[in-house]
Amino acid sequence: MTSIKDSTYRPVLTEKARVRLLKREHQEYARPAMILRVLPNPSCRPENQWYDVRFDDGLSGRFLGRYLERINSEGTDRKEGGKTFAA
């Protein structure tokens, strides 16, 4: 059995990355979110990677990476101090 510490596996998405949900049947479909936590992946297979995310409206969820798409924070709106600013 290979140790996770010895593995060269790296999750595609990292903590604090901005993403959009691609799961059509979910109420937060296409809404922006941030990766809060990359969950352990003992299989080291990208298709088995789970992430905890928090949407900009405050809801949280746990999703497989295939349902998340990285978005570029440049040129998108971001919130600071309760106000929205264009980046």
N, C-alpha and C. Protein backbone atom coordinates (compact mmCIF):
# COMPACT_ATOMS: atom_id res chain seq x y z
N MET A 1 0.84 -1.17 0.00
CA MET A 1 0.00 0.00 0.00
C MET A 1 0.89 1.24 0.00
N THR A 2 0.56 2.18 -0.86
CA THR A 2 1.34 3.40 -0.97
C THR A 2 0.86 4.45 0.01
N SER A 3 1.77 5.07 0.67
CA SER A 3 1.43 6.13 1.61
C SER A 3 1.06 7.39 0.85
N ILE A 4 0.09 8.14 1.37
CA ILE A 4 -0.32 9.40 0.75
C ILE A 4 0.85 10.38 0.75
N LYS A 5 1.67 10.35 1.77
CA LYS A 5 2.81 11.25 1.85
C LYS A 5 3.82 10.97 0.75
N ASP A 6 3.91 9.70 0.29
CA ASP A 6 4.85 9.33 -0.76
C ASP A 6 4.27 9.56 -2.15
N SER A 7 2.99 9.82 -2.22
CA SER A 7 2.31 9.95 -3.50
C SER A 7 2.65 11.28 -4.17
N THR A 8 2.62 11.28 -5.48
CA THR A 8 2.81 12.52 -6.23
C THR A 8 1.46 13.13 -6.62
N TYR A 9 0.37 12.53 -6.15
CA TYR A 9 -0.96 13.02 -6.46
C TYR A 9 -1.18 14.40 -5.84
N ARG A 10 -1.74 15.31 -6.63
CA ARG A 10 -2.12 16.64 -6.16
C ARG A 10 -3.53 16.91 -6.67
N PRO A 11 -4.43 17.36 -5.81
CA PRO A 11 -5.78 17.70 -6.27
C PRO A 11 -5.72 18.79 -7.33
N VAL A 12 -6.65 18.75 -8.25
CA VAL A 12 -6.71 19.75 -9.32
C VAL A 12 -7.03 21.12 -8.76
N LEU A 13 -7.94 21.18 -7.79
CA LEU A 13 -8.34 22.44 -7.18
C LEU A 13 -7.68 22.58 -5.81
N THR A 14 -7.38 23.79 -5.42
CA THR A 14 -6.74 24.03 -4.14
C THR A 14 -7.66 24.86 -3.25
N GLU A 15 -7.36 24.87 -1.96
CA GLU A 15 -8.14 25.68 -1.03
C GLU A 15 -8.11 27.14 -1.45
N LYS A 16 -9.23 27.81 -1.27
CA LYS A 16 -9.44 29.22 -1.61
C LYS A 16 -9.58 29.47 -3.11
N ALA A 17 -9.56 28.42 -3.92
CA ALA A 17 -9.79 28.60 -5.36
C ALA A 17 -11.24 28.97 -5.59
N ARG A 18 -11.49 29.83 -6.55
CA ARG A 18 -12.85 30.22 -6.93
C ARG A 18 -13.36 29.21 -7.95
N VAL A 19 -14.56 28.73 -7.72
CA VAL A 19 -15.17 27.72 -8.59
C VAL A 19 -16.63 28.06 -8.86
N ARG A 20 -17.20 27.34 -9.84
CA ARG A 20 -18.63 27.43 -10.15
C ARG A 20 -19.16 26.01 -10.15
N LEU A 21 -20.36 25.82 -9.62
CA LEU A 21 -20.99 24.50 -9.55
C LEU A 21 -21.62 24.14 -10.89
N LEU A 22 -21.31 22.94 -11.39
CA LEU A 22 -21.82 22.48 -12.68
C LEU A 22 -22.89 21.41 -12.54
N LYS A 23 -23.35 21.14 -11.35
CA LYS A 23 -24.36 20.10 -11.11
C LYS A 23 -25.74 20.71 -11.34
N ARG A 24 -26.34 20.46 -12.50
CA ARG A 24 -27.57 21.11 -12.93
C ARG A 24 -28.74 20.96 -11.96
N GLU A 25 -28.88 19.83 -11.33
CA GLU A 25 -30.03 19.60 -10.46
C GLU A 25 -29.89 20.25 -9.07
N HIS A 26 -28.77 20.89 -8.79
CA HIS A 26 -28.56 21.53 -7.50
C HIS A 26 -29.04 22.98 -7.54
N GLN A 27 -29.60 23.45 -6.44
CA GLN A 27 -30.14 24.82 -6.37
C GLN A 27 -29.08 25.90 -6.58
N GLU A 28 -27.83 25.58 -6.35
CA GLU A 28 -26.75 26.55 -6.50
C GLU A 28 -26.04 26.41 -7.86
N TYR A 29 -26.67 25.74 -8.81
CA TYR A 29 -26.08 25.53 -10.13
C TYR A 29 -25.59 26.85 -10.74
N ALA A 30 -24.36 26.82 -11.23
CA ALA A 30 -23.70 27.93 -11.93
C ALA A 30 -23.35 29.10 -11.02
N ARG A 31 -23.54 28.97 -9.74
CA ARG A 31 -23.21 30.07 -8.82
C ARG A 31 -21.76 29.95 -8.36
N PRO A 32 -21.11 31.08 -8.13
CA PRO A 32 -19.71 31.05 -7.70
C PRO A 32 -19.56 30.64 -6.24
N ALA A 33 -18.42 30.03 -5.96
CA ALA A 33 -18.11 29.56 -4.61
C ALA A 33 -16.60 29.57 -4.41
N MET A 34 -16.19 29.25 -3.19
CA MET A 34 -14.77 29.14 -2.88
C MET A 34 -14.52 27.78 -2.23
N ILE A 35 -13.41 27.15 -2.58
CA ILE A 35 -13.02 25.88 -1.96
C ILE A 35 -12.58 26.17 -0.53
N LEU A 36 -13.26 25.55 0.43
CA LEU A 36 -12.88 25.70 1.83
C LEU A 36 -11.87 24.64 2.25
N ARG A 37 -12.08 23.43 1.74
CA ARG A 37 -11.25 22.31 2.19
C ARG A 37 -11.18 21.26 1.09
N VAL A 38 -9.98 20.76 0.86
CA VAL A 38 -9.76 19.62 -0.02
C VAL A 38 -9.76 18.39 0.88
N LEU A 39 -10.70 17.50 0.67
CA LEU A 39 -10.83 16.33 1.53
C LEU A 39 -9.78 15.27 1.19
N PRO A 40 -9.41 14.44 2.17
CA PRO A 40 -8.45 13.37 1.90
C PRO A 40 -8.96 12.45 0.80
N ASN A 41 -8.04 11.98 -0.03
CA ASN A 41 -8.38 11.11 -1.15
C ASN A 41 -7.42 9.93 -1.14
N PRO A 42 -7.71 8.91 -0.33
CA PRO A 42 -6.79 7.78 -0.21
C PRO A 42 -6.52 7.04 -1.52
N SER A 43 -7.47 7.10 -2.46
CA SER A 43 -7.28 6.40 -3.74
C SER A 43 -6.32 7.15 -4.65
N CYS A 44 -6.12 8.44 -4.40
CA CYS A 44 -5.27 9.29 -5.23
C CYS A 44 -5.75 9.32 -6.68
N ARG A 45 -7.05 9.13 -6.88
CA ARG A 45 -7.63 9.19 -8.21
C ARG A 45 -8.45 10.47 -8.31
N PRO A 46 -8.19 11.30 -9.31
CA PRO A 46 -8.89 12.58 -9.42
C PRO A 46 -10.41 12.45 -9.44
N GLU A 47 -10.93 11.39 -10.02
CA GLU A 47 -12.39 11.22 -10.09
C GLU A 47 -13.01 10.95 -8.73
N ASN A 48 -12.20 10.68 -7.72
CA ASN A 48 -12.69 10.42 -6.37
C ASN A 48 -12.43 11.58 -5.41
N GLN A 49 -12.00 12.73 -5.94
CA GLN A 49 -11.65 13.86 -5.09
C GLN A 49 -12.89 14.66 -4.71
N TRP A 50 -13.09 14.85 -3.41
CA TRP A 50 -14.20 15.64 -2.88
C TRP A 50 -13.68 16.95 -2.33
N TYR A 51 -14.53 17.98 -2.39
CA TYR A 51 -14.19 19.31 -1.91
C TYR A 51 -15.35 19.87 -1.09
N ASP A 52 -15.02 20.59 -0.02
CA ASP A 52 -16.01 21.37 0.72
C ASP A 52 -15.96 22.78 0.14
N VAL A 53 -17.12 23.32 -0.21
CA VAL A 53 -17.17 24.66 -0.79
C VAL A 53 -18.18 25.52 -0.05
N ARG A 54 -17.99 26.83 -0.14
CA ARG A 54 -18.96 27.79 0.38
C ARG A 54 -19.32 28.74 -0.75
N PHE A 55 -20.62 28.81 -1.02
CA PHE A 55 -21.11 29.69 -2.07
C PHE A 55 -21.13 31.12 -1.57
N ASP A 56 -21.13 32.06 -2.50
CA ASP A 56 -21.09 33.47 -2.14
C ASP A 56 -22.31 33.90 -1.33
N ASP A 57 -23.42 33.16 -1.43
CA ASP A 57 -24.61 33.51 -0.65
C ASP A 57 -24.59 32.87 0.75
N GLY A 58 -23.49 32.19 1.10
CA GLY A 58 -23.32 31.64 2.45
C GLY A 58 -23.61 30.17 2.60
N LEU A 59 -24.27 29.54 1.62
CA LEU A 59 -24.54 28.10 1.70
C LEU A 59 -23.25 27.32 1.48
N SER A 60 -23.17 26.15 2.11
CA SER A 60 -22.00 25.29 1.97
C SER A 60 -22.42 23.95 1.41
N GLY A 61 -21.46 23.24 0.84
CA GLY A 61 -21.75 21.91 0.32
C GLY A 61 -20.48 21.12 0.10
N ARG A 62 -20.64 19.85 -0.19
CA ARG A 62 -19.52 18.94 -0.47
C ARG A 62 -19.78 18.31 -1.83
N PHE A 63 -18.80 18.44 -2.73
CA PHE A 63 -18.99 18.00 -4.11
C PHE A 63 -17.76 17.31 -4.65
N LEU A 64 -18.00 16.38 -5.57
CA LEU A 64 -16.92 15.78 -6.34
C LEU A 64 -16.35 16.84 -7.27
N GLY A 65 -15.07 16.73 -7.55
CA GLY A 65 -14.41 17.70 -8.41
C GLY A 65 -15.02 17.81 -9.79
N ARG A 66 -15.63 16.75 -10.31
CA ARG A 66 -16.20 16.81 -11.66
C ARG A 66 -17.38 17.78 -11.75
N TYR A 67 -17.94 18.18 -10.61
CA TYR A 67 -19.04 19.13 -10.59
C TYR A 67 -18.58 20.57 -10.36
N LEU A 68 -17.28 20.77 -10.29
CA LEU A 68 -16.75 22.10 -10.02
C LEU A 68 -15.86 22.56 -11.16
N GLU A 69 -16.00 23.82 -11.52
CA GLU A 69 -15.19 24.41 -12.58
C GLU A 69 -14.49 25.63 -12.00
N ARG A 70 -13.18 25.68 -12.18
CA ARG A 70 -12.42 26.84 -11.70
C ARG A 70 -12.85 28.07 -12.49
N ILE A 71 -13.00 29.18 -11.79
CA ILE A 71 -13.29 30.45 -12.45
C ILE A 71 -12.20 31.43 -12.11
N ASN A 72 -11.94 32.31 -13.02
CA ASN A 72 -10.91 33.32 -12.85
C ASN A 72 -11.50 34.47 -12.04
N SER A 73 -10.86 34.84 -10.95
CA SER A 73 -11.38 35.92 -10.12
C SER A 73 -11.17 37.28 -10.77
N GLU A 74 -10.29 37.37 -11.76
CA GLU A 74 -10.08 38.64 -12.46
C GLU A 74 -11.27 38.91 -13.37
N GLY A 75 -11.77 40.10 -13.31
CA GLY A 75 -12.86 40.48 -14.18
C GLY A 75 -14.23 40.03 -13.68
N THR A 76 -14.29 39.44 -12.50
CA THR A 76 -15.57 39.05 -11.93
C THR A 76 -15.83 39.91 -10.70
N ASP A 77 -17.05 39.92 -10.25
CA ASP A 77 -17.39 40.69 -9.05
C ASP A 77 -16.91 39.95 -7.82
N ARG A 78 -16.48 40.69 -6.83
CA ARG A 78 -16.10 40.10 -5.56
C ARG A 78 -16.67 40.96 -4.46
N LYS A 79 -16.91 40.34 -3.31
CA LYS A 79 -17.52 41.08 -2.19
C LYS A 79 -16.47 41.39 -1.14
N GLU A 80 -16.51 42.60 -0.66
CA GLU A 80 -15.63 43.02 0.43
C GLU A 80 -16.44 43.89 1.37
N GLY A 81 -16.46 43.53 2.63
CA GLY A 81 -17.13 44.34 3.63
C GLY A 81 -18.60 44.55 3.36
N GLY A 82 -19.25 43.56 2.75
CA GLY A 82 -20.67 43.66 2.51
C GLY A 82 -21.05 44.43 1.25
N LYS A 83 -20.04 44.94 0.52
CA LYS A 83 -20.30 45.66 -0.72
C LYS A 83 -19.68 44.89 -1.87
N THR A 84 -20.19 45.11 -3.06
CA THR A 84 -19.67 44.43 -4.24
C THR A 84 -18.80 45.39 -5.02
N PHE A 85 -17.61 44.92 -5.38
CA PHE A 85 -16.67 45.71 -6.15
C PHE A 85 -16.29 44.94 -7.39
N ALA A 86 -16.06 45.61 -8.47
CA ALA A 86 -15.56 44.96 -9.69
C ALA A 86 -14.06 44.83 -9.55
N ALA A 87 -13.56 43.64 -9.84
CA ALA A 87 -12.11 43.40 -9.71
C ALA A 87 -11.39 43.90 -10.94
